[in-house]
Amino acid sequence: MRYRIERDCRILYPTPVREHHCQVRLAPWEDGNQALTRLDLTVSPATLPVARYDGFGNLTHHFGVLSAHRALEFTLSAEVETRLSNPFDFEVLSPARERVWLTDSLHQAPRLWDFVYHQGCLTPKLPEKIAGRPTPEWQEGVAVLKQIQEALAWVHSVAEFDPLETQSASALPDLFSAARGTAADLSHLLIALLRGWALPARFVSGYQDAAWFEPDDEAPAGTAARPQALHNWVETLVPGAGWRGFDPAFGLLADDTYIRVAVGRDAHDVSPLRHTSKGAGDSPEVTETLRVTRLDGAPAP
């Protein structure tokens, strides 16, 4: 699939500020399953963005406006090609070989342990029961992929995805009582479970095909599409396949309609916008729009 991504952001302060510094993670990732073919980032007031890669391999841009201003605007335009049309297309290993494969991967790449051992308020150690349901345990002799798919179903039994909710939980236990949450909330729950099984799991932010924001078949006629926005899902290391994406919001494996932007241990590592400024201390109004357009004329997923 080929996509054009257009992301606009306007930061408006009630009074002028100065020495305004921004860091953004909005550019698509580039690897064997995804190629970034064009990228432009423009800022007003005019300044030169500086690109670098963070410790997780995410492409970040830094820019600053030193002079006094009330509004700062930036536009990111990119084109990307996604190639993972079939996430099930990989060599299937026996459960015994899977454990050897995972052990070897962790020995050869010690940085992966950060995606196994990291715990925090968003990805804590899970209790034995959540909402009266037993927390699934690792099953020896059962294929990793099968257990992760069962974990997706378990996440849905604990909490439903609410596409209209924009505020994610500040701590994962808040999700248990609410029984519904954002894609980020459900992703954190899945990550906490997979890490409890000693599987490397990382949090992903990214874009989706516009078709994912169309109303469901059950929606009344004339229902408008939801505004496009950043989505979140999980990637875990699957023996024989490498990193594979799992979307607990929809209960699916991520394919070429998913566009990875950034990965990290949890949502704190992949913040799309961080900024600081000097001024009166008033909070700004941040307005963002996103347009993801399919370029190759392929049918909707």
C-alpha atoms as a PDB file:
ATOM      1  CA  MET A   1       0.000   0.000   0.000  1.00  0.00           C
ATOM      2  CA  ARG A   2       1.111   3.562  -0.681  1.00  0.00           C
ATOM      3  CA  TYR A   3      -0.146   6.423   1.470  1.00  0.00           C
ATOM      4  CA  ARG A   4       0.139  10.175   1.727  1.00  0.00           C
ATOM      5  CA  ILE A   5       0.082  11.547   5.271  1.00  0.00           C
ATOM      6  CA  GLU A   6      -0.680  15.186   6.057  1.00  0.00           C
ATOM      7  CA  ARG A   7      -0.502  16.296   9.667  1.00  0.00           C
ATOM      8  CA  ASP A   8      -1.210  19.898  10.740  1.00  0.00           C
ATOM      9  CA  CYS A   9      -0.767  21.319  14.235  1.00  0.00           C
ATOM     10  CA  ARG A  10      -1.421  24.807  15.634  1.00  0.00           C
ATOM     11  CA  ILE A  11      -0.324  25.824  19.137  1.00  0.00           C
ATOM     12  CA  LEU A  12      -2.057  29.052  20.209  1.00  0.00           C
ATOM     13  CA  TYR A  13      -1.215  30.893  23.445  1.00  0.00           C
ATOM     14  CA  PRO A  14      -3.468  33.556  25.008  1.00  0.00           C
ATOM     15  CA  THR A  15      -0.423  35.825  25.486  1.00  0.00           C
ATOM     16  CA  PRO A  16       2.956  35.941  23.699  1.00  0.00           C
ATOM     17  CA  VAL A  17       5.650  33.420  24.622  1.00  0.00           C
ATOM     18  CA  ARG A  18       9.309  33.128  23.654  1.00  0.00           C
ATOM     19  CA  GLU A  19      12.055  30.498  23.534  1.00  0.00           C
ATOM     20  CA  HIS A  20       9.496  27.946  22.366  1.00  0.00           C
ATOM     21  CA  HIS A  21      11.113  24.532  21.806  1.00  0.00           C
ATOM     22  CA  CYS A  22       9.291  21.544  20.280  1.00  0.00           C
ATOM     23  CA  GLN A  23      10.008  17.866  19.765  1.00  0.00           C
ATOM     24  CA  VAL A  24       7.715  15.834  17.492  1.00  0.00           C
ATOM     25  CA  ARG A  25       7.463  12.127  16.642  1.00  0.00           C
ATOM     26  CA  LEU A  26       5.146  12.118  13.648  1.00  0.00           C
ATOM     27  CA  ALA A  27       7.232  10.801  10.734  1.00  0.00           C
ATOM     28  CA  PRO A  28       6.645   7.191   9.621  1.00  0.00           C
ATOM     29  CA  TRP A  29       9.179   4.552  10.591  1.00  0.00           C
ATOM     30  CA  GLU A  30      11.394   2.954   7.943  1.00  0.00           C
ATOM     31  CA  ASP A  31      12.355  -0.733   7.883  1.00  0.00           C
ATOM     32  CA  GLY A  32      11.859  -3.872   5.808  1.00  0.00           C
ATOM     33  CA  ASN A  33       8.059  -3.697   6.057  1.00  0.00           C
ATOM     34  CA  GLN A  34       7.714   0.036   5.512  1.00  0.00           C
ATOM     35  CA  ALA A  35       9.538   2.565   3.295  1.00  0.00           C
ATOM     36  CA  LEU A  36       9.419   6.335   3.782  1.00  0.00           C
ATOM     37  CA  THR A  37       9.614   7.793   0.263  1.00  0.00           C
ATOM     38  CA  ARG A  38       9.029  11.502   0.949  1.00  0.00           C
ATOM     39  CA  LEU A  39       9.042  13.734   4.020  1.00  0.00           C
ATOM     40  CA  ASP A  40       8.586  17.492   4.465  1.00  0.00           C
ATOM     41  CA  LEU A  41       8.197  19.437   7.699  1.00  0.00           C
ATOM     42  CA  THR A  42       7.497  23.179   7.622  1.00  0.00           C
ATOM     43  CA  VAL A  43       7.199  25.468  10.639  1.00  0.00           C
ATOM     44  CA  SER A  44       5.736  28.963  11.106  1.00  0.00           C
ATOM     45  CA  PRO A  45       7.260  31.250  12.379  1.00  0.00           C
ATOM     46  CA  ALA A  46       9.984  29.982  10.067  1.00  0.00           C
ATOM     47  CA  THR A  47      12.715  27.890  11.668  1.00  0.00           C
ATOM     48  CA  LEU A  48      14.818  24.903  10.662  1.00  0.00           C
ATOM     49  CA  PRO A  49      13.779  21.502  12.089  1.00  0.00           C
ATOM     50  CA  VAL A  50      16.632  19.200  13.087  1.00  0.00           C
ATOM     51  CA  ALA A  51      16.107  15.446  12.649  1.00  0.00           C
ATOM     52  CA  ARG A  52      17.603  12.709  14.798  1.00  0.00           C
ATOM     53  CA  TYR A  53      16.808   9.186  15.971  1.00  0.00           C
ATOM     54  CA  ASP A  54      15.987   8.538  19.607  1.00  0.00           C
ATOM     55  CA  GLY A  55      17.099   5.544  21.657  1.00  0.00           C
ATOM     56  CA  PHE A  56      14.279   3.366  20.291  1.00  0.00           C
ATOM     57  CA  GLY A  57      15.042   4.168  16.637  1.00  0.00           C
ATOM     58  CA  ASN A  58      12.173   6.634  16.205  1.00  0.00           C
ATOM     59  CA  LEU A  59      12.709   9.575  13.852  1.00  0.00           C
ATOM     60  CA  THR A  60      12.205  12.780  15.844  1.00  0.00           C
ATOM     61  CA  HIS A  61      12.350  16.441  14.820  1.00  0.00           C
ATOM     62  CA  HIS A  62      13.384  19.341  17.040  1.00  0.00           C
ATOM     63  CA  PHE A  63      12.766  23.019  16.326  1.00  0.00           C
ATOM     64  CA  GLY A  64      12.547  26.238  18.266  1.00  0.00           C
ATOM     65  CA  VAL A  65      11.250  29.786  17.909  1.00  0.00           C
ATOM     66  CA  LEU A  66      13.126  32.211  20.150  1.00  0.00           C
ATOM     67  CA  SER A  67      11.262  35.433  19.333  1.00  0.00           C
ATOM     68  CA  ALA A  68       7.933  36.382  20.947  1.00  0.00           C
ATOM     69  CA  HIS A  69       4.858  34.833  19.327  1.00  0.00           C
ATOM     70  CA  ARG A  70       1.353  33.684  20.215  1.00  0.00           C
ATOM     71  CA  ALA A  71       0.920  30.995  17.563  1.00  0.00           C
ATOM     72  CA  LEU A  72       3.224  28.280  16.296  1.00  0.00           C
ATOM     73  CA  GLU A  73       2.130  26.071  13.404  1.00  0.00           C
ATOM     74  CA  PHE A  74       3.768  23.141  11.687  1.00  0.00           C
ATOM     75  CA  THR A  75       2.787  20.827   8.848  1.00  0.00           C
ATOM     76  CA  LEU A  76       4.203  17.375   8.187  1.00  0.00           C
ATOM     77  CA  SER A  77       3.681  15.820   4.767  1.00  0.00           C
ATOM     78  CA  ALA A  78       4.958  12.334   4.001  1.00  0.00           C
ATOM     79  CA  GLU A  79       4.522   9.441   1.602  1.00  0.00           C
ATOM     80  CA  VAL A  80       5.090   5.884   2.720  1.00  0.00           C
ATOM     81  CA  GLU A  81       4.861   2.384   1.266  1.00  0.00           C
ATOM     82  CA  THR A  82       3.713  -0.452   3.537  1.00  0.00           C
ATOM     83  CA  ARG A  83       4.526  -4.033   2.545  1.00  0.00           C
ATOM     84  CA  LEU A  84       3.156  -6.399   5.193  1.00  0.00           C
ATOM     85  CA  SER A  85       0.027  -7.487   3.337  1.00  0.00           C
ATOM     86  CA  ASN A  86      -0.150 -10.826   5.179  1.00  0.00           C
ATOM     87  CA  PRO A  87       1.072 -10.747   8.806  1.00  0.00           C
ATOM     88  CA  PHE A  88       0.667 -14.552   8.981  1.00  0.00           C
ATOM     89  CA  ASP A  89       3.271 -15.114   6.239  1.00  0.00           C
ATOM     90  CA  PHE A  90       6.243 -16.471   8.194  1.00  0.00           C
ATOM     91  CA  GLU A  91       7.932 -19.750   9.075  1.00  0.00           C
ATOM     92  CA  VAL A  92       5.941 -21.569  11.749  1.00  0.00           C
ATOM     93  CA  LEU A  93       8.098 -23.162  14.439  1.00  0.00           C
ATOM     94  CA  SER A  94       7.229 -25.881  16.919  1.00  0.00           C
ATOM     95  CA  PRO A  95       6.613 -24.675  20.506  1.00  0.00           C
ATOM     96  CA  ALA A  96       9.938 -26.205  21.595  1.00  0.00           C
ATOM     97  CA  ARG A  97      11.844 -24.361  18.857  1.00  0.00           C
ATOM     98  CA  GLU A  98       9.937 -21.160  19.644  1.00  0.00           C
ATOM     99  CA  ARG A  99      11.360 -21.018  23.157  1.00  0.00           C
ATOM    100  CA  VAL A 100      14.903 -21.581  21.816  1.00  0.00           C
ATOM    101  CA  TRP A 101      14.329 -18.851  19.206  1.00  0.00           C
ATOM    102  CA  LEU A 102      13.203 -16.361  21.859  1.00  0.00           C
ATOM    103  CA  THR A 103      16.087 -17.228  24.190  1.00  0.00           C
ATOM    104  CA  ASP A 104      18.627 -16.768  21.390  1.00  0.00           C
ATOM    105  CA  SER A 105      17.052 -13.445  20.365  1.00  0.00           C
ATOM    106  CA  LEU A 106      17.288 -12.077  23.908  1.00  0.00           C
ATOM    107  CA  HIS A 107      20.921 -13.175  24.229  1.00  0.00           C
ATOM    108  CA  GLN A 108      21.899 -11.670  20.878  1.00  0.00           C
ATOM    109  CA  ALA A 109      20.082  -8.365  21.457  1.00  0.00           C
ATOM    110  CA  PRO A 110      20.190  -7.459  25.185  1.00  0.00           C
ATOM    111  CA  ARG A 111      18.270  -4.222  24.485  1.00  0.00           C
ATOM    112  CA  LEU A 112      15.167  -6.409  24.069  1.00  0.00           C
ATOM    113  CA  TRP A 113      15.112  -7.011  27.821  1.00  0.00           C
ATOM    114  CA  ASP A 114      13.818  -3.460  28.258  1.00  0.00           C
ATOM    115  CA  PHE A 115      10.624  -4.626  26.539  1.00  0.00           C
ATOM    116  CA  VAL A 116      10.371  -7.597  28.925  1.00  0.00           C
ATOM    117  CA  TYR A 117      11.225  -6.202  32.355  1.00  0.00           C
ATOM    118  CA  HIS A 118      10.011  -2.612  32.184  1.00  0.00           C
ATOM    119  CA  GLN A 119       7.102  -1.903  34.522  1.00  0.00           C
ATOM    120  CA  GLY A 120       5.381   1.354  35.392  1.00  0.00           C
ATOM    121  CA  CYS A 121       1.999   2.843  36.178  1.00  0.00           C
ATOM    122  CA  LEU A 122       0.874   2.143  32.602  1.00  0.00           C
ATOM    123  CA  THR A 123       2.290  -1.392  32.374  1.00  0.00           C
ATOM    124  CA  PRO A 124       2.401  -2.772  35.938  1.00  0.00           C
ATOM    125  CA  LYS A 125       2.587  -6.367  37.079  1.00  0.00           C
ATOM    126  CA  LEU A 126      -0.959  -7.661  36.716  1.00  0.00           C
ATOM    127  CA  PRO A 127      -2.929  -9.113  39.641  1.00  0.00           C
ATOM    128  CA  GLU A 128      -4.087 -12.725  39.562  1.00  0.00           C
ATOM    129  CA  LYS A 129      -7.633 -11.562  38.797  1.00  0.00           C
ATOM    130  CA  ILE A 130      -8.993  -8.519  36.978  1.00  0.00           C
ATOM    131  CA  ALA A 131     -12.687  -7.654  37.133  1.00  0.00           C
ATOM    132  CA  GLY A 132     -13.319 -11.109  38.585  1.00  0.00           C
ATOM    133  CA  ARG A 133     -11.636 -12.872  35.661  1.00  0.00           C
ATOM    134  CA  PRO A 134      -8.405 -14.859  36.083  1.00  0.00           C
ATOM    135  CA  THR A 135      -5.401 -13.279  34.406  1.00  0.00           C
ATOM    136  CA  PRO A 136      -4.199 -15.716  31.708  1.00  0.00           C
ATOM    137  CA  GLU A 137      -1.014 -17.630  32.444  1.00  0.00           C
ATOM    138  CA  TRP A 138       1.639 -18.798  30.014  1.00  0.00           C
ATOM    139  CA  GLN A 139       0.852 -22.267  28.595  1.00  0.00           C
ATOM    140  CA  GLU A 140       3.830 -24.504  27.924  1.00  0.00           C
ATOM    141  CA  GLY A 141       3.629 -26.365  24.631  1.00  0.00           C
ATOM    142  CA  VAL A 142       1.150 -23.933  23.039  1.00  0.00           C
ATOM    143  CA  ALA A 143       2.213 -21.801  20.061  1.00  0.00           C
ATOM    144  CA  VAL A 144       3.095 -18.182  20.861  1.00  0.00           C
ATOM    145  CA  LEU A 145       0.826 -16.781  18.147  1.00  0.00           C
ATOM    146  CA  LYS A 146      -2.161 -18.758  19.429  1.00  0.00           C
ATOM    147  CA  GLN A 147      -1.603 -17.513  22.978  1.00  0.00           C
ATOM    148  CA  ILE A 148      -1.327 -13.891  21.844  1.00  0.00           C
ATOM    149  CA  GLN A 149      -4.562 -14.199  19.866  1.00  0.00           C
ATOM    150  CA  GLU A 150      -6.246 -15.581  22.986  1.00  0.00           C
ATOM    151  CA  ALA A 151      -4.770 -12.643  24.921  1.00  0.00           C
ATOM    152  CA  LEU A 152      -6.457 -10.241  22.480  1.00  0.00           C
ATOM    153  CA  ALA A 153      -9.810 -11.846  23.276  1.00  0.00           C
ATOM    154  CA  TRP A 154      -9.091 -11.640  27.006  1.00  0.00           C
ATOM    155  CA  VAL A 155      -8.323  -7.914  26.765  1.00  0.00           C
ATOM    156  CA  HIS A 156     -11.730  -7.403  25.160  1.00  0.00           C
ATOM    157  CA  SER A 157     -13.363  -9.293  28.026  1.00  0.00           C
ATOM    158  CA  VAL A 158     -11.775  -6.866  30.509  1.00  0.00           C
ATOM    159  CA  ALA A 159     -12.405  -3.587  28.674  1.00  0.00           C
ATOM    160  CA  GLU A 160     -14.037  -2.415  25.457  1.00  0.00           C
ATOM    161  CA  PHE A 161     -12.489  -0.018  22.984  1.00  0.00           C
ATOM    162  CA  ASP A 162     -14.166   3.395  23.049  1.00  0.00           C
ATOM    163  CA  PRO A 163     -13.290   5.197  19.782  1.00  0.00           C
ATOM    164  CA  LEU A 164     -14.797   8.462  21.030  1.00  0.00           C
ATOM    165  CA  GLU A 165     -12.707   8.615  24.210  1.00  0.00           C
ATOM    166  CA  THR A 166      -9.706  10.943  23.856  1.00  0.00           C
ATOM    167  CA  GLN A 167      -8.297  10.843  27.396  1.00  0.00           C
ATOM    168  CA  SER A 168      -6.264   7.746  28.221  1.00  0.00           C
ATOM    169  CA  ALA A 169      -5.945   6.393  31.748  1.00  0.00           C
ATOM    170  CA  SER A 170      -3.081   7.819  33.806  1.00  0.00           C
ATOM    171  CA  ALA A 171      -2.614   4.410  35.456  1.00  0.00           C
ATOM    172  CA  LEU A 172      -3.652   1.014  34.115  1.00  0.00           C
ATOM    173  CA  PRO A 173      -5.852   0.036  37.130  1.00  0.00           C
ATOM    174  CA  ASP A 174      -8.185   2.905  36.158  1.00  0.00           C
ATOM    175  CA  LEU A 175      -9.060   0.873  33.063  1.00  0.00           C
ATOM    176  CA  PHE A 176     -10.211  -2.090  35.153  1.00  0.00           C
ATOM    177  CA  SER A 177     -12.928  -0.086  36.889  1.00  0.00           C
ATOM    178  CA  ALA A 178     -14.000   1.825  33.773  1.00  0.00           C
ATOM    179  CA  ALA A 179     -14.210  -1.379  31.664  1.00  0.00           C
ATOM    180  CA  ARG A 180     -13.689   0.692  28.514  1.00  0.00           C
ATOM    181  CA  GLY A 181     -10.848   2.822  27.244  1.00  0.00           C
ATOM    182  CA  THR A 182      -8.728   4.134  24.426  1.00  0.00           C
ATOM    183  CA  ALA A 183      -6.554   2.128  22.073  1.00  0.00           C
ATOM    184  CA  ALA A 184      -3.593   3.173  24.243  1.00  0.00           C
ATOM    185  CA  ASP A 185      -5.272   1.789  27.374  1.00  0.00           C
ATOM    186  CA  LEU A 186      -5.986  -1.584  25.785  1.00  0.00           C
ATOM    187  CA  SER A 187      -2.461  -1.702  24.356  1.00  0.00           C
ATOM    188  CA  HIS A 188      -0.944  -1.121  27.787  1.00  0.00           C
ATOM    189  CA  LEU A 189      -3.044  -3.960  29.208  1.00  0.00           C
ATOM    190  CA  LEU A 190      -1.894  -6.357  26.487  1.00  0.00           C
ATOM    191  CA  ILE A 191       1.739  -5.312  26.972  1.00  0.00           C
ATOM    192  CA  ALA A 192       1.538  -5.906  30.727  1.00  0.00           C
ATOM    193  CA  LEU A 193       0.173  -9.408  30.110  1.00  0.00           C
ATOM    194  CA  LEU A 194       2.776 -10.334  27.468  1.00  0.00           C
ATOM    195  CA  ARG A 195       5.661  -9.088  29.603  1.00  0.00           C
ATOM    196  CA  GLY A 196       4.331 -11.201  32.439  1.00  0.00           C
ATOM    197  CA  TRP A 197       4.891 -14.127  30.074  1.00  0.00           C
ATOM    198  CA  ALA A 198       8.495 -12.943  29.432  1.00  0.00           C
ATOM    199  CA  LEU A 199       7.667 -11.969  25.839  1.00  0.00           C
ATOM    200  CA  PRO A 200       9.246  -8.755  24.499  1.00  0.00           C
ATOM    201  CA  ALA A 201       6.362  -6.338  23.856  1.00  0.00           C
ATOM    202  CA  ARG A 202       6.464  -2.687  22.809  1.00  0.00           C
ATOM    203  CA  PHE A 203       3.949   0.143  22.509  1.00  0.00           C
ATOM    204  CA  VAL A 204       3.338   1.530  19.016  1.00  0.00           C
ATOM    205  CA  SER A 205       1.889   4.797  17.766  1.00  0.00           C
ATOM    206  CA  GLY A 206       0.987   5.175  14.128  1.00  0.00           C
ATOM    207  CA  TYR A 207      -1.513   5.922  11.418  1.00  0.00           C
ATOM    208  CA  GLN A 208      -4.239   3.797   9.846  1.00  0.00           C
ATOM    209  CA  ASP A 209      -5.991   3.649   6.515  1.00  0.00           C
ATOM    210  CA  ALA A 210      -8.886   6.134   6.454  1.00  0.00           C
ATOM    211  CA  ALA A 211     -11.308   3.211   6.079  1.00  0.00           C
ATOM    212  CA  TRP A 212     -10.773   2.347   9.759  1.00  0.00           C
ATOM    213  CA  PHE A 213     -12.527   5.599  10.689  1.00  0.00           C
ATOM    214  CA  GLU A 214     -15.647   4.956   8.623  1.00  0.00           C
ATOM    215  CA  PRO A 215     -18.859   4.151  10.564  1.00  0.00           C
ATOM    216  CA  ASP A 216     -19.634   0.516  11.347  1.00  0.00           C
ATOM    217  CA  ASP A 217     -22.159  -1.406   9.285  1.00  0.00           C
ATOM    218  CA  GLU A 218     -24.557  -1.230  12.241  1.00  0.00           C
ATOM    219  CA  ALA A 219     -24.386   2.585  12.394  1.00  0.00           C
ATOM    220  CA  PRO A 220     -27.464   4.549  11.227  1.00  0.00           C
ATOM    221  CA  ALA A 221     -27.472   5.724   7.634  1.00  0.00           C
ATOM    222  CA  GLY A 222     -25.729   9.050   7.193  1.00  0.00           C
ATOM    223  CA  THR A 223     -23.385   8.593  10.152  1.00  0.00           C
ATOM    224  CA  ALA A 224     -20.241  10.625   9.530  1.00  0.00           C
ATOM    225  CA  ALA A 225     -16.754   9.158   9.671  1.00  0.00           C
ATOM    226  CA  ARG A 226     -14.731   9.769  12.822  1.00  0.00           C
ATOM    227  CA  PRO A 227     -11.911  12.316  12.530  1.00  0.00           C
ATOM    228  CA  GLN A 228      -8.649  10.586  11.705  1.00  0.00           C
ATOM    229  CA  ALA A 229      -6.187  10.430  14.583  1.00  0.00           C
ATOM    230  CA  LEU A 230      -3.070   8.646  15.746  1.00  0.00           C
ATOM    231  CA  HIS A 231      -3.768   5.039  16.704  1.00  0.00           C
ATOM    232  CA  ASN A 232      -1.980   2.731  19.127  1.00  0.00           C
ATOM    233  CA  TRP A 233      -1.277  -0.977  19.094  1.00  0.00           C
ATOM    234  CA  VAL A 234       1.293  -3.502  20.344  1.00  0.00           C
ATOM    235  CA  GLU A 235       4.220  -5.252  18.726  1.00  0.00           C
ATOM    236  CA  THR A 236       5.671  -8.413  20.184  1.00  0.00           C
ATOM    237  CA  LEU A 237       8.466 -10.688  19.071  1.00  0.00           C
ATOM    238  CA  VAL A 238       6.956 -13.745  17.371  1.00  0.00           C
ATOM    239  CA  PRO A 239       9.345 -16.681  16.777  1.00  0.00           C
ATOM    240  CA  GLY A 240      10.069 -17.132  13.079  1.00  0.00           C
ATOM    241  CA  ALA A 241       8.499 -13.781  12.206  1.00  0.00           C
ATOM    242  CA  GLY A 242      10.199 -11.058  14.253  1.00  0.00           C
ATOM    243  CA  TRP A 243       8.156  -8.083  15.396  1.00  0.00           C
ATOM    244  CA  ARG A 244       4.460  -8.430  14.600  1.00  0.00           C
ATOM    245  CA  GLY A 245       1.718  -5.941  15.404  1.00  0.00           C
ATOM    246  CA  PHE A 246      -1.397  -6.815  17.420  1.00  0.00           C
ATOM    247  CA  ASP A 247      -4.253  -4.326  17.725  1.00  0.00           C
ATOM    248  CA  PRO A 248      -6.298  -4.962  20.887  1.00  0.00           C
ATOM    249  CA  ALA A 249      -8.742  -2.200  19.936  1.00  0.00           C
ATOM    250  CA  PHE A 250      -9.971  -4.253  16.973  1.00  0.00           C
ATOM    251  CA  GLY A 251      -8.666  -7.704  17.936  1.00  0.00           C
ATOM    252  CA  LEU A 252      -6.561  -8.011  14.776  1.00  0.00           C
ATOM    253  CA  LEU A 253      -2.995  -8.427  13.589  1.00  0.00           C
ATOM    254  CA  ALA A 254      -1.580  -5.260  12.025  1.00  0.00           C
ATOM    255  CA  ASP A 255      -1.177  -5.456   8.244  1.00  0.00           C
ATOM    256  CA  ASP A 256      -0.256  -3.001   5.485  1.00  0.00           C
ATOM    257  CA  THR A 257      -3.128  -0.672   6.442  1.00  0.00           C
ATOM    258  CA  TYR A 258      -1.164   0.176   9.609  1.00  0.00           C
ATOM    259  CA  ILE A 259       1.660   2.739   9.393  1.00  0.00           C
ATOM    260  CA  ARG A 260       4.117   2.610  12.278  1.00  0.00           C
ATOM    261  CA  VAL A 261       5.436   5.964  13.543  1.00  0.00           C
ATOM    262  CA  ALA A 262       7.137   5.302  16.890  1.00  0.00           C
ATOM    263  CA  VAL A 263       7.777   2.485  19.367  1.00  0.00           C
ATOM    264  CA  GLY A 264       8.649   2.483  23.058  1.00  0.00           C
ATOM    265  CA  ARG A 265       8.087   0.809  26.398  1.00  0.00           C
ATOM    266  CA  ASP A 266       4.787   2.648  26.880  1.00  0.00           C
ATOM    267  CA  ALA A 267       2.990   5.801  25.730  1.00  0.00           C
ATOM    268  CA  HIS A 268       5.429   8.061  27.588  1.00  0.00           C
ATOM    269  CA  ASP A 269       8.223   7.034  25.186  1.00  0.00           C
ATOM    270  CA  VAL A 270       6.326   7.848  21.982  1.00  0.00           C
ATOM    271  CA  SER A 271       4.731  11.211  22.771  1.00  0.00           C
ATOM    272  CA  PRO A 272       3.925  12.821  19.381  1.00  0.00           C
ATOM    273  CA  LEU A 273       4.460  16.374  20.672  1.00  0.00           C
ATOM    274  CA  ARG A 274       6.489  17.762  23.547  1.00  0.00           C
ATOM    275  CA  HIS A 275       7.099  21.481  23.889  1.00  0.00           C
ATOM    276  CA  THR A 276       8.169  24.095  26.385  1.00  0.00           C
ATOM    277  CA  SER A 277       8.214  27.902  26.334  1.00  0.00           C
ATOM    278  CA  LYS A 278       8.756  30.983  28.484  1.00  0.00           C
ATOM    279  CA  GLY A 279       5.809  33.265  29.149  1.00  0.00           C
ATOM    280  CA  ALA A 280       2.921  33.941  31.484  1.00  0.00           C
ATOM    281  CA  GLY A 281       2.393  30.245  32.154  1.00  0.00           C
ATOM    282  CA  ASP A 282      -1.019  30.019  30.506  1.00  0.00           C
ATOM    283  CA  SER A 283      -1.832  26.708  28.804  1.00  0.00           C
ATOM    284  CA  PRO A 284      -2.056  26.861  25.010  1.00  0.00           C
ATOM    285  CA  GLU A 285      -4.845  25.622  22.776  1.00  0.00           C
ATOM    286  CA  VAL A 286      -3.542  22.826  20.543  1.00  0.00           C
ATOM    287  CA  THR A 287      -5.451  22.076  17.337  1.00  0.00           C
ATOM    288  CA  GLU A 288      -4.464  19.082  15.206  1.00  0.00           C
ATOM    289  CA  THR A 289      -5.757  17.556  11.989  1.00  0.00           C
ATOM    290  CA  LEU A 290      -4.706  14.358  10.210  1.00  0.00           C
ATOM    291  CA  ARG A 291      -5.369  13.126   6.681  1.00  0.00           C
ATOM    292  CA  VAL A 292      -4.206   9.696   5.513  1.00  0.00           C
ATOM    293  CA  THR A 293      -4.898   9.120   1.820  1.00  0.00           C
ATOM    294  CA  ARG A 294      -4.372   5.885  -0.108  1.00  0.00           C
ATOM    295  CA  LEU A 295      -2.402   6.554  -3.314  1.00  0.00           C
ATOM    296  CA  ASP A 296      -2.417   3.270  -5.223  1.00  0.00           C
ATOM    297  CA  GLY A 297      -6.152   2.875  -5.722  1.00  0.00           C
ATOM    298  CA  ALA A 298      -6.308  -0.379  -3.754  1.00  0.00           C
ATOM    299  CA  PRO A 299      -9.707  -1.339  -2.327  1.00  0.00           C
ATOM    300  CA  ALA A 300     -10.494  -0.427   1.258  1.00  0.00           C
ATOM    301  CA  PRO A 301      -9.631  -3.069   3.895  1.00  0.00           C
END
